[in-house]
C-alpha atoms as a PDB file:
ATOM      1  CA  MET A   1      -0.013   0.119  -0.102  1.00  0.00           C
ATOM      2  CA  LYS A   2       1.410   3.412  -0.988  1.00  0.00           C
ATOM      3  CA  ASP A   3       1.412   6.155   1.567  1.00  0.00           C
ATOM      4  CA  ASN A   4       0.525   9.698   0.018  1.00  0.00           C
ATOM      5  CA  ARG A   5       0.951  11.554   3.155  1.00  0.00           C
ATOM      6  CA  PRO A   6       3.305  14.519   2.918  1.00  0.00           C
ATOM      7  CA  THR A   7       6.704  13.758   4.635  1.00  0.00           C
ATOM      8  CA  ASN A   8       8.959  16.027   6.972  1.00  0.00           C
ATOM      9  CA  ILE A   9      12.091  16.884   5.467  1.00  0.00           C
ATOM     10  CA  ASP A  10      15.000  17.338   7.744  1.00  0.00           C
ATOM     11  CA  LEU A  11      16.713  20.311   6.006  1.00  0.00           C
ATOM     12  CA  ALA A  12      19.335  20.390   8.058  1.00  0.00           C
ATOM     13  CA  SER A  13      20.621  16.787   7.044  1.00  0.00           C
ATOM     14  CA  ILE A  14      20.009  17.216   3.693  1.00  0.00           C
ATOM     15  CA  SER A  15      22.657  18.658   0.900  1.00  0.00           C
ATOM     16  CA  GLY A  16      21.553  19.891  -1.950  1.00  0.00           C
ATOM     17  CA  TYR A  17      17.892  20.413  -1.499  1.00  0.00           C
ATOM     18  CA  TYR A  18      16.972  23.804  -2.871  1.00  0.00           C
ATOM     19  CA  PHE A  19      13.620  25.618  -1.906  1.00  0.00           C
ATOM     20  CA  PRO A  20      11.579  26.426  -5.062  1.00  0.00           C
ATOM     21  CA  ILE A  21      11.671  30.180  -5.869  1.00  0.00           C
ATOM     22  CA  PRO A  22       8.112  30.886  -4.845  1.00  0.00           C
ATOM     23  CA  ALA A  23       8.667  29.218  -0.988  1.00  0.00           C
ATOM     24  CA  LEU A  24      11.943  31.367  -0.983  1.00  0.00           C
ATOM     25  CA  ALA A  25       9.983  34.373  -2.050  1.00  0.00           C
ATOM     26  CA  SER A  26       7.600  33.689   0.673  1.00  0.00           C
ATOM     27  CA  ILE A  27      10.122  33.240   3.306  1.00  0.00           C
ATOM     28  CA  LEU A  28      11.987  36.373   2.427  1.00  0.00           C
ATOM     29  CA  HIS A  29       8.825  38.226   2.807  1.00  0.00           C
ATOM     30  CA  ARG A  30       8.212  36.659   6.171  1.00  0.00           C
ATOM     31  CA  ALA A  31      11.797  37.563   7.340  1.00  0.00           C
ATOM     32  CA  SER A  32      11.633  41.344   5.952  1.00  0.00           C
ATOM     33  CA  GLY A  33       8.241  41.889   8.075  1.00  0.00           C
ATOM     34  CA  ILE A  34      10.356  40.571  10.875  1.00  0.00           C
ATOM     35  CA  ALA A  35      12.968  42.868  10.129  1.00  0.00           C
ATOM     36  CA  LEU A  36      10.519  45.580   9.731  1.00  0.00           C
ATOM     37  CA  LEU A  37       9.239  45.080  13.330  1.00  0.00           C
ATOM     38  CA  PHE A  38      12.581  45.612  14.814  1.00  0.00           C
ATOM     39  CA  GLY A  39      13.546  48.636  12.550  1.00  0.00           C
ATOM     40  CA  MET A  40      10.707  50.648  12.809  1.00  0.00           C
ATOM     41  CA  GLY A  41      11.037  50.621  16.719  1.00  0.00           C
ATOM     42  CA  PHE A  42      15.034  51.795  16.266  1.00  0.00           C
ATOM     43  CA  LEU A  43      13.236  54.455  13.799  1.00  0.00           C
ATOM     44  CA  ILE A  44      10.608  55.325  16.447  1.00  0.00           C
ATOM     45  CA  TRP A  45      13.251  55.696  19.112  1.00  0.00           C
ATOM     46  CA  ALA A  46      15.218  57.940  17.079  1.00  0.00           C
ATOM     47  CA  LEU A  47      12.299  60.362  15.916  1.00  0.00           C
ATOM     48  CA  SER A  48      11.588  60.332  19.758  1.00  0.00           C
ATOM     49  CA  LYS A  49      14.597  61.482  20.752  1.00  0.00           C
ATOM     50  CA  SER A  50      15.324  63.950  18.014  1.00  0.00           C
ATOM     51  CA  LEU A  51      11.930  65.685  18.680  1.00  0.00           C
ATOM     52  CA  HIS A  52      13.070  65.910  22.215  1.00  0.00           C
ATOM     53  CA  SER A  53      15.514  68.914  22.034  1.00  0.00           C
ATOM     54  CA  GLU A  54      17.829  70.544  19.774  1.00  0.00           C
ATOM     55  CA  GLN A  55      20.864  68.969  21.474  1.00  0.00           C
ATOM     56  CA  GLN A  56      19.255  65.199  20.843  1.00  0.00           C
ATOM     57  CA  PHE A  57      18.401  66.115  17.485  1.00  0.00           C
ATOM     58  CA  ASN A  58      22.141  67.014  16.510  1.00  0.00           C
ATOM     59  CA  GLU A  59      23.099  63.880  18.468  1.00  0.00           C
ATOM     60  CA  VAL A  60      20.492  61.445  16.281  1.00  0.00           C
ATOM     61  CA  ALA A  61      21.778  63.396  13.034  1.00  0.00           C
ATOM     62  CA  LEU A  62      25.475  62.604  14.041  1.00  0.00           C
ATOM     63  CA  PHE A  63      24.538  58.982  14.721  1.00  0.00           C
ATOM     64  CA  PHE A  64      23.109  58.458  11.355  1.00  0.00           C
ATOM     65  CA  ALA A  65      25.919  59.683   9.737  1.00  0.00           C
ATOM     66  CA  THR A  66      27.852  56.952  11.158  1.00  0.00           C
ATOM     67  CA  PRO A  67      28.489  53.408   9.158  1.00  0.00           C
ATOM     68  CA  LEU A  68      26.712  51.343  11.659  1.00  0.00           C
ATOM     69  CA  ALA A  69      23.521  53.685  11.421  1.00  0.00           C
ATOM     70  CA  LYS A  70      23.854  53.577   7.691  1.00  0.00           C
ATOM     71  CA  ILE A  71      23.627  49.569   8.009  1.00  0.00           C
ATOM     72  CA  ILE A  72      20.643  49.817  10.121  1.00  0.00           C
ATOM     73  CA  LEU A  73      18.954  52.347   7.871  1.00  0.00           C
ATOM     74  CA  TRP A  74      19.615  50.029   4.921  1.00  0.00           C
ATOM     75  CA  ILE A  75      18.297  46.758   6.642  1.00  0.00           C
ATOM     76  CA  VAL A  76      15.017  48.867   7.323  1.00  0.00           C
ATOM     77  CA  VAL A  77      15.098  50.576   3.978  1.00  0.00           C
ATOM     78  CA  SER A  78      15.498  47.237   2.237  1.00  0.00           C
ATOM     79  CA  SER A  79      12.916  45.254   4.295  1.00  0.00           C
ATOM     80  CA  VAL A  80      10.310  47.920   3.433  1.00  0.00           C
ATOM     81  CA  ILE A  81      11.082  47.887  -0.401  1.00  0.00           C
ATOM     82  CA  TYR A  82      10.910  43.803  -0.487  1.00  0.00           C
ATOM     83  CA  HIS A  83       7.878  43.775   1.584  1.00  0.00           C
ATOM     84  CA  PHE A  84       6.318  45.963  -0.264  1.00  0.00           C
ATOM     85  CA  VAL A  85       6.853  44.491  -3.605  1.00  0.00           C
ATOM     86  CA  ALA A  86       5.974  40.914  -2.224  1.00  0.00           C
ATOM     87  CA  GLY A  87       3.034  42.303  -0.599  1.00  0.00           C
ATOM     88  CA  LEU A  88       1.769  43.808  -4.415  1.00  0.00           C
ATOM     89  CA  LYS A  89       2.531  40.197  -5.582  1.00  0.00           C
ATOM     90  CA  HIS A  90       0.511  38.956  -2.930  1.00  0.00           C
ATOM     91  CA  LEU A  91      -2.529  41.633  -3.969  1.00  0.00           C
ATOM     92  CA  VAL A  92      -2.421  40.552  -7.377  1.00  0.00           C
ATOM     93  CA  MET A  93      -2.607  37.109  -6.899  1.00  0.00           C
ATOM     94  CA  ASP A  94      -5.482  37.408  -4.441  1.00  0.00           C
ATOM     95  CA  THR A  95      -7.451  38.777  -7.555  1.00  0.00           C
ATOM     96  CA  GLY A  96      -6.680  35.515  -9.306  1.00  0.00           C
ATOM     97  CA  ILE A  97      -3.793  36.485 -11.440  1.00  0.00           C
ATOM     98  CA  GLY A  98      -0.823  34.006 -11.358  1.00  0.00           C
ATOM     99  CA  GLU A  99      -2.303  31.269  -9.058  1.00  0.00           C
ATOM    100  CA  THR A 100      -0.607  28.286 -11.319  1.00  0.00           C
ATOM    101  CA  LEU A 101       2.400  27.208 -10.379  1.00  0.00           C
ATOM    102  CA  VAL A 102       4.210  28.928 -13.452  1.00  0.00           C
ATOM    103  CA  GLY A 103       2.392  32.157 -12.471  1.00  0.00           C
ATOM    104  CA  ALA A 104       3.703  31.820  -9.058  1.00  0.00           C
ATOM    105  CA  ARG A 105       7.272  30.940 -10.045  1.00  0.00           C
ATOM    106  CA  ILE A 106       7.079  34.218 -12.535  1.00  0.00           C
ATOM    107  CA  PHE A 107       5.970  36.718 -10.057  1.00  0.00           C
ATOM    108  CA  ALA A 108       8.262  35.265  -7.522  1.00  0.00           C
ATOM    109  CA  TRP A 109      11.000  35.909  -9.815  1.00  0.00           C
ATOM    110  CA  GLY A 110       9.898  38.933 -10.737  1.00  0.00           C
ATOM    111  CA  VAL A 111       9.683  40.260  -7.022  1.00  0.00           C
ATOM    112  CA  LEU A 112      13.205  39.192  -6.341  1.00  0.00           C
ATOM    113  CA  ILE A 113      14.660  41.013  -9.413  1.00  0.00           C
ATOM    114  CA  LEU A 114      12.240  44.260  -9.059  1.00  0.00           C
ATOM    115  CA  SER A 115      13.463  44.384  -5.318  1.00  0.00           C
ATOM    116  CA  PHE A 116      17.088  43.860  -6.052  1.00  0.00           C
ATOM    117  CA  ILE A 117      17.039  46.682  -8.360  1.00  0.00           C
ATOM    118  CA  LEU A 118      15.107  49.107  -5.999  1.00  0.00           C
ATOM    119  CA  ILE A 119      17.546  48.268  -3.042  1.00  0.00           C
ATOM    120  CA  ALA A 120      20.307  48.526  -5.252  1.00  0.00           C
ATOM    121  CA  VAL A 121      19.395  52.272  -5.893  1.00  0.00           C
ATOM    122  CA  ALA A 122      18.343  52.453  -2.154  1.00  0.00           C
ATOM    123  CA  THR A 123      22.059  51.031  -1.443  1.00  0.00           C
ATOM    124  CA  TYR A 124      23.487  53.773  -3.520  1.00  0.00           C
ATOM    125  CA  ILE A 125      21.481  56.784  -2.126  1.00  0.00           C
ATOM    126  CA  ILE A 126      22.161  55.662   1.528  1.00  0.00           C
ATOM    127  CA  PHE A 127      25.901  55.184   1.186  1.00  0.00           C
ATOM    128  CA  VAL A 128      26.890  57.276  -1.177  1.00  0.00           C
ATOM    129  CA  GLY A 129      24.269  59.842  -1.403  1.00  0.00           C
ATOM    130  CA  VAL A 130      22.342  61.686  -4.228  1.00  0.00           C
END
């Protein structure tokens, strides 16, 4: 008798196992949401501190000129970009467009490519300046 139940895959012990592109896009969407949760907390703290007094505003402005702050800002901005683009994909798919396996792959590649381009532009703006 053939057992058609799904099997649990131990990803830690399987070498050479690759996630399908739609699964990777979905996992990255969830990870970007978690990064947003913590990143927005950091930005709200910085905004609150900068609105307290002129001296604290200057301290926050000096902090955002440091490489550490730029990296944190890059993580938050990259998370916003990816989460937004992937969220648009979900909204389009909720209307019934691209619900097939082929459509899911095309949309996942589109999300990854468009996000990469937008994140590259944001990286240039954050680290080099306009």
